[in-house]
Protein backbone atom coordinates (compact mmCIF):
# COMPACT_ATOMS: atom_id res chain seq x y z
CA MET A 1 130.09 96.88 119.85
CA ALA A 2 131.13 94.97 122.95
CA THR A 3 128.23 93.53 124.99
CA THR A 4 130.29 92.03 127.83
CA PHE A 5 131.61 94.10 130.71
CA HIS A 6 134.54 92.02 131.94
CA LEU A 7 135.30 94.28 134.91
CA PHE A 8 131.86 93.81 136.50
CA PRO A 9 133.12 91.26 139.10
CA PHE A 10 135.69 93.83 140.30
CA LEU A 11 133.12 96.54 141.04
CA PRO A 12 132.32 97.23 144.71
CA TRP A 13 129.72 94.83 146.13
CA GLU A 14 127.22 97.62 146.82
CA LEU A 15 127.40 98.79 143.21
CA ARG A 16 126.99 95.27 141.82
CA ALA A 17 123.98 94.69 144.07
CA ARG A 18 122.39 97.93 142.90
CA ILE A 19 122.90 96.95 139.26
CA TRP A 20 121.22 93.59 139.88
CA GLU A 21 118.30 95.36 141.55
CA LEU A 22 117.84 97.55 138.49
CA THR A 23 117.30 94.43 136.36
CA VAL A 24 114.05 93.71 138.21
CA GLU A 25 110.99 94.95 136.32
CA PRO A 26 107.25 94.38 136.82
CA ARG A 27 106.00 91.31 134.98
CA THR A 28 102.64 89.74 134.26
CA VAL A 29 102.97 86.14 135.43
CA GLU A 30 100.39 83.74 134.05
CA VAL A 31 99.35 80.87 136.31
CA HIS A 32 96.63 78.24 136.20
CA THR A 33 95.59 75.26 138.25
CA ILE A 34 95.32 71.61 137.30
CA THR A 35 93.79 68.72 139.17
CA TYR A 36 95.11 65.32 138.28
CA GLY A 37 94.00 61.90 139.41
CA SER A 38 90.36 63.03 139.45
CA GLU A 39 87.47 61.23 137.79
CA GLU A 40 87.55 63.83 135.01
CA ASP A 41 91.27 63.28 134.42
CA SER A 42 91.74 59.74 133.14
CA GLU A 43 95.11 60.38 131.48
CA THR A 44 97.18 61.23 134.58
CA GLN A 45 96.25 59.14 137.58
CA ALA A 46 97.90 59.92 140.91
CA GLU A 47 99.92 57.17 142.54
CA ASP A 48 97.64 57.02 145.58
CA GLY A 49 94.47 57.16 143.50
CA GLU A 50 93.42 60.50 145.04
CA PRO A 51 92.95 63.79 143.17
CA HIS A 52 95.71 66.34 143.73
CA ARG A 53 96.03 70.05 142.99
CA ARG A 54 98.97 71.70 141.23
CA LEU A 55 99.83 75.21 140.09
CA VAL A 56 101.40 75.74 136.68
CA SER A 57 103.00 78.88 135.25
CA THR A 58 103.79 79.40 131.58
CA THR A 59 105.84 82.54 132.26
CA PRO A 60 109.63 82.04 131.93
CA VAL A 61 111.86 82.32 134.99
CA PRO A 62 113.35 85.85 135.24
CA ALA A 63 116.57 86.12 133.23
CA THR A 64 118.41 87.55 136.26
CA LEU A 65 118.09 84.21 138.05
CA HIS A 66 119.82 82.45 135.16
CA THR A 67 122.82 84.78 135.29
CA CYS A 68 124.82 83.73 138.34
CA ARG A 69 124.63 82.65 141.98
CA GLU A 70 125.33 86.19 143.20
CA ALA A 71 122.17 87.49 141.51
CA ARG A 72 120.08 84.61 142.84
CA ASN A 73 121.33 85.10 146.40
CA LEU A 74 120.18 88.73 146.51
CA GLY A 75 116.57 87.64 147.05
CA LEU A 76 115.24 89.75 144.19
CA TYR A 77 112.73 86.97 143.54
CA GLN A 78 111.32 84.40 145.93
CA LYS A 79 109.99 80.87 145.51
CA GLU A 80 106.26 81.42 145.98
CA PHE A 81 102.97 79.50 145.95
CA SER A 82 104.35 76.09 146.96
CA GLU A 83 101.68 76.07 149.68
CA PHE A 84 99.10 75.78 146.90
CA GLU A 85 100.41 72.37 145.92
CA ASP A 86 98.55 69.31 147.13
CA VAL A 87 100.73 66.42 145.97
CA PRO A 88 101.26 62.79 147.02
CA GLU A 89 103.59 62.25 149.96
CA GLY A 90 107.23 62.27 148.93
CA ARG A 91 106.71 64.27 145.76
CA GLU A 92 108.37 67.68 145.53
CA LYS A 93 106.11 70.74 145.49
CA ARG A 94 106.40 73.17 142.63
CA TYR A 95 106.90 76.90 143.07
CA VAL A 96 106.90 80.08 140.97
CA TRP A 97 109.72 82.64 141.04
CA LEU A 98 108.04 85.94 141.91
CA ASN A 99 108.55 89.41 143.26
CA LEU A 100 105.11 89.83 144.80
CA ASP A 101 105.64 93.55 145.36
CA ILE A 102 105.62 94.29 141.63
CA ASP A 103 104.53 91.18 139.68
CA MET A 104 100.94 90.96 138.40
CA ILE A 105 99.44 87.47 138.84
CA ASP A 106 97.23 86.62 135.85
CA ILE A 107 94.84 83.72 136.56
CA GLY A 108 92.95 83.98 133.28
CA GLN A 109 89.29 82.95 133.49
CA GLU A 110 89.63 80.61 136.45
CA GLU A 111 87.39 81.02 139.48
CA LEU A 112 88.83 83.18 142.24
CA LYS A 113 87.92 80.65 144.91
CA ARG A 114 90.39 78.13 143.45
CA TYR A 115 93.21 80.40 144.67
CA ARG A 116 92.12 80.50 148.30
CA PRO A 117 95.33 78.79 149.58
CA ILE A 118 97.53 81.62 148.22
CA ALA A 119 95.07 84.53 148.12
CA LYS A 120 96.54 86.36 151.12
CA SER A 121 99.98 86.64 149.50
CA ILE A 122 98.82 88.06 146.15
CA LYS A 123 99.15 91.84 145.92
CA ARG A 124 98.45 92.33 142.22
CA LEU A 125 95.79 90.30 140.45
CA LYS A 126 94.49 90.06 136.91
CA TYR A 127 91.66 87.90 135.66
CA ARG A 128 88.97 87.72 133.01
CA ALA A 129 85.41 87.63 134.30
CA ARG A 130 83.72 86.90 130.99
CA THR A 131 80.63 85.59 132.82
CA PHE A 132 79.91 87.76 135.83
CA GLU A 133 79.28 86.00 139.12
CA TYR A 134 78.20 87.89 142.23
CA ASP A 135 80.20 85.45 144.33
CA ASP A 136 83.36 86.90 142.76
CA VAL A 137 82.97 89.98 144.92
CA SER A 138 82.91 87.98 148.13
CA TRP A 139 85.87 85.88 146.98
CA LEU A 140 87.86 89.06 146.34
CA HIS A 141 87.82 89.56 150.11
CA MET A 142 90.18 86.59 150.42
CA PHE A 143 92.90 88.70 148.81
CA GLU A 144 93.67 90.63 151.96
CA SER A 145 96.93 92.12 150.63
CA LEU A 146 95.49 93.16 147.27
CA ALA A 147 96.88 96.54 146.19
CA GLU A 148 95.96 96.43 142.49
CA ALA A 149 93.48 94.48 140.37
CA HIS A 150 92.82 94.32 136.64
CA ILE A 151 89.43 92.79 135.82
CA ASP A 152 88.43 92.08 132.23
CA CYS A 153 84.63 92.59 132.22
CA PHE A 154 84.49 91.90 128.45
CA ASN A 155 81.78 94.42 127.55
CA GLU A 156 79.63 97.27 128.85
CA GLU A 157 77.08 94.89 130.33
CA GLY A 158 79.79 93.17 132.37
CA LEU A 159 81.15 96.56 133.42
CA ASN A 160 77.73 97.59 134.69
CA ASP A 161 77.38 94.33 136.59
CA TRP A 162 80.66 95.01 138.35
CA TYR A 163 79.52 98.50 139.30
CA TRP A 164 76.42 97.17 141.02
CA ALA A 165 78.58 94.59 142.77
CA PHE A 166 81.13 97.12 144.04
CA ALA A 167 78.58 99.65 145.23
CA PRO A 168 77.28 97.84 148.38
CA PHE A 169 80.62 96.42 149.55
CA GLN A 170 83.87 97.86 150.82
CA LEU A 171 86.78 95.99 149.24
CA ARG A 172 90.23 96.10 150.80
CA CYS A 173 91.77 97.27 147.55
CA ASP A 174 91.59 101.00 146.84
CA HIS A 175 89.01 101.49 144.09
CA ARG A 176 91.47 103.80 142.32
CA ASN A 177 93.67 100.73 141.79
CA ILE A 178 90.94 98.47 140.43
CA LEU A 179 91.10 98.70 136.64
CA LEU A 180 87.99 97.48 134.82
CA ILE A 181 88.55 96.51 131.19
CA GLU A 182 86.09 96.18 128.32
CA SER A 183 88.21 94.00 126.06
CA GLU A 184 85.45 93.96 123.45
CA ASN A 185 86.07 97.62 122.62
CA GLY A 186 89.35 98.45 124.42
CA ARG A 187 87.82 100.74 127.05
CA THR A 188 89.41 100.91 130.51
CA ILE A 189 88.17 102.68 133.63
CA THR A 190 88.96 102.47 137.32
CA ALA A 191 86.30 101.39 139.80
CA GLN A 192 86.38 104.86 141.34
CA GLU A 193 85.93 106.58 137.97
CA LEU A 194 83.02 104.25 137.25
CA GLU A 195 81.42 105.13 140.59
CA GLU A 196 81.86 108.85 139.87
CA GLU A 197 80.33 108.36 136.42
CA TYR A 198 77.27 106.68 137.91
CA ASP A 199 77.02 109.38 140.60
CA ARG A 200 76.89 112.01 137.84
CA ARG A 201 74.22 110.06 135.99
CA GLU A 202 72.20 109.69 139.19
CA GLN A 203 72.48 113.40 139.93
CA GLU A 204 71.38 114.29 136.41
CA ALA A 205 68.45 111.88 136.69
CA LEU A 206 67.41 113.41 140.01
CA GLU A 207 67.53 116.91 138.57
CA GLU A 208 65.50 115.79 135.57
CA PHE A 209 63.03 114.04 137.89
CA ALA A 210 62.67 117.17 140.03
CA ASP A 211 61.71 119.20 136.97
CA ALA A 212 59.25 116.60 135.66
CA ASP A 213 55.53 116.50 136.29
CA PRO A 214 54.43 114.12 139.10
CA VAL A 215 53.75 110.56 137.98
CA PRO A 216 51.55 108.10 139.92
CA VAL A 217 53.52 105.31 141.62
CA SER A 218 51.53 102.67 139.78
CA GLU A 219 52.72 104.05 136.45
CA MET A 220 56.34 104.23 137.68
CA LEU A 221 56.30 100.55 138.64
CA ALA A 222 54.39 99.37 135.61
CA GLY A 223 57.47 98.85 133.47
CA LEU A 224 59.56 97.07 136.10
CA ASP A 225 59.99 93.33 136.04
CA ILE A 226 60.14 92.77 139.81
CA ALA A 227 60.35 89.00 139.47
CA SER A 228 63.56 89.18 137.40
CA MET A 229 65.15 91.58 139.90
CA LEU A 230 64.62 89.37 142.95
CA PRO A 231 67.44 86.86 142.23
CA LYS A 232 70.03 89.68 142.07
CA LEU A 233 68.74 91.26 145.26
CA MET A 234 68.83 87.91 147.04
CA SER A 235 72.39 87.28 145.79
CA PHE A 236 73.54 90.60 147.24
CA ALA A 237 71.87 89.77 150.56
CA GLU A 238 73.55 86.36 150.68
CA ILE A 239 77.00 87.84 149.91
CA ALA A 240 76.53 90.47 152.62
CA ARG A 241 75.61 87.78 155.17
CA ASN A 242 78.68 85.71 154.24
CA MET A 243 80.95 88.74 154.63
CA GLU A 244 79.51 89.48 158.07
CA ASP A 245 80.09 85.86 159.09
CA ASN A 246 83.71 85.97 157.82
CA ASP A 247 84.42 89.22 159.68
């Protein structure tokens, strides 16, 4: 069976352009940061002796861009993230070919704050929060254009931590488009569904409490470890203050 359409160059321009557009599909683009020339990096010293930041992607360049100049000139993908690069003077900055409207940017387990230089341009984000940090919620506010987020919480404990983090704060991203993943058991749930689940549990608990016999306050507080709860409460208060300062 023939796999080459020799008459393609003779098709009307509008039809060729439409065909090229149909080759564009959503991708998950993996990126990570490296710092070279630092004290921790003895193998690759920068020419000026100062540490520099670079962005690396292991995802191949879209096949469409390898096809011909016509496809490249349509602007289906753009050179993005060069502003992240902090390189010695005279050295060329790297970039990643992206369609930010549909491509998911996967930063792995790196800290969100490392991506501050390019946060505003990222619309779809994926990362693995194996160790939950309350600061992650405040750093998510840097991603002002965020329309979709996939967050690997690892297990149910991490999922619960993220619920308590989302509850007090209004993120720019619609909670219906925040997918929380328990990679340990394969469960997925949106932030909104998780909130609704907790609302149901709270309502059931209130109904059960209303039907129960009165219990003295001293007995209710007896089983609580107030000292262990204080650090979390203080972290929430600090995040809230930082958000107010940023706004």
